[in-house]
Amino acid sequence: MATRTVQAEAQSSLLPIIFSAIIGIAVIFVSGHVQAGALHDAAHDVRHATGFPCH
């Protein structure tokens, strides 16, 4: 019975890691295929939306 609990805890802690890795790979893949100007504009808009001074 204790073995099942340890396995369940291992699986439940592994799920967020796998999900984060998939999201990270997707972001890298998408940003690698976008035009440089569009990527710059998106980053610039995010800076303004978060209140970070960029000028």
C-alpha atoms as a PDB file:
ATOM      1  CA  MET A   1       0.000   0.000   0.000  1.00  0.00           C
ATOM      2  CA  ALA A   2       2.842   2.416   0.806  1.00  0.00           C
ATOM      3  CA  THR A   3       4.424   1.689  -2.565  1.00  0.00           C
ATOM      4  CA  ARG A   4       1.331   2.960  -4.352  1.00  0.00           C
ATOM      5  CA  THR A   5       1.418   6.177  -2.348  1.00  0.00           C
ATOM      6  CA  VAL A   6       5.064   6.822  -3.223  1.00  0.00           C
ATOM      7  CA  GLN A   7       4.391   6.089  -6.893  1.00  0.00           C
ATOM      8  CA  ALA A   8       1.366   8.389  -6.923  1.00  0.00           C
ATOM      9  CA  GLU A   9       3.382  11.186  -5.312  1.00  0.00           C
ATOM     10  CA  ALA A  10       6.205  10.704  -7.826  1.00  0.00           C
ATOM     11  CA  GLN A  11       3.773  10.844 -10.743  1.00  0.00           C
ATOM     12  CA  SER A  12       1.951  13.881  -9.397  1.00  0.00           C
ATOM     13  CA  SER A  13       5.201  15.789  -8.882  1.00  0.00           C
ATOM     14  CA  LEU A  14       6.470  14.813 -12.336  1.00  0.00           C
ATOM     15  CA  LEU A  15       3.403  16.114 -14.167  1.00  0.00           C
ATOM     16  CA  PRO A  16       4.106  19.861 -13.665  1.00  0.00           C
ATOM     17  CA  ILE A  17       7.715  19.347 -14.780  1.00  0.00           C
ATOM     18  CA  ILE A  18       6.628  17.636 -17.991  1.00  0.00           C
ATOM     19  CA  PHE A  19       3.965  20.276 -18.645  1.00  0.00           C
ATOM     20  CA  SER A  20       6.470  23.101 -18.107  1.00  0.00           C
ATOM     21  CA  ALA A  21       8.958  21.443 -20.445  1.00  0.00           C
ATOM     22  CA  ILE A  22       6.330  21.108 -23.184  1.00  0.00           C
ATOM     23  CA  ILE A  23       5.316  24.761 -22.812  1.00  0.00           C
ATOM     24  CA  GLY A  24       8.967  25.857 -22.863  1.00  0.00           C
ATOM     25  CA  ILE A  25       9.734  23.871 -26.002  1.00  0.00           C
ATOM     26  CA  ALA A  26       6.628  25.285 -27.689  1.00  0.00           C
ATOM     27  CA  VAL A  27       7.646  28.861 -26.827  1.00  0.00           C
ATOM     28  CA  ILE A  28      11.147  28.333 -28.188  1.00  0.00           C
ATOM     29  CA  PHE A  29       9.792  26.691 -31.348  1.00  0.00           C
ATOM     30  CA  VAL A  30       7.224  29.422 -32.029  1.00  0.00           C
ATOM     31  CA  SER A  31       9.594  32.287 -31.270  1.00  0.00           C
ATOM     32  CA  GLY A  32      12.183  30.738 -33.568  1.00  0.00           C
ATOM     33  CA  HIS A  33       9.780  30.901 -36.514  1.00  0.00           C
ATOM     34  CA  VAL A  34       8.309  34.353 -35.969  1.00  0.00           C
ATOM     35  CA  GLN A  35       9.655  37.400 -37.779  1.00  0.00           C
ATOM     36  CA  ALA A  36      12.105  39.470 -35.745  1.00  0.00           C
ATOM     37  CA  GLY A  37      10.012  42.630 -36.009  1.00  0.00           C
ATOM     38  CA  ALA A  38       6.884  40.942 -34.694  1.00  0.00           C
ATOM     39  CA  LEU A  39       8.807  39.412 -31.798  1.00  0.00           C
ATOM     40  CA  HIS A  40      10.313  42.778 -30.911  1.00  0.00           C
ATOM     41  CA  ASP A  41       6.922  44.491 -31.052  1.00  0.00           C
ATOM     42  CA  ALA A  42       5.356  41.826 -28.830  1.00  0.00           C
ATOM     43  CA  ALA A  43       8.147  42.153 -26.258  1.00  0.00           C
ATOM     44  CA  HIS A  44       7.831  45.933 -26.388  1.00  0.00           C
ATOM     45  CA  ASP A  45       4.079  45.744 -25.777  1.00  0.00           C
ATOM     46  CA  VAL A  46       4.588  43.416 -22.819  1.00  0.00           C
ATOM     47  CA  ARG A  47       7.106  45.828 -21.321  1.00  0.00           C
ATOM     48  CA  HIS A  48       4.575  48.653 -21.559  1.00  0.00           C
ATOM     49  CA  ALA A  49       1.742  46.486 -20.177  1.00  0.00           C
ATOM     50  CA  THR A  50       3.784  45.523 -17.107  1.00  0.00           C
ATOM     51  CA  GLY A  51       4.890  49.095 -16.476  1.00  0.00           C
ATOM     52  CA  PHE A  52       8.565  48.437 -17.170  1.00  0.00           C
ATOM     53  CA  PRO A  53      10.233  51.535 -18.645  1.00  0.00           C
ATOM     54  CA  CYS A  54      11.847  50.805 -21.971  1.00  0.00           C
ATOM     55  CA  HIS A  55      12.506  54.255 -23.419  1.00  0.00           C
END
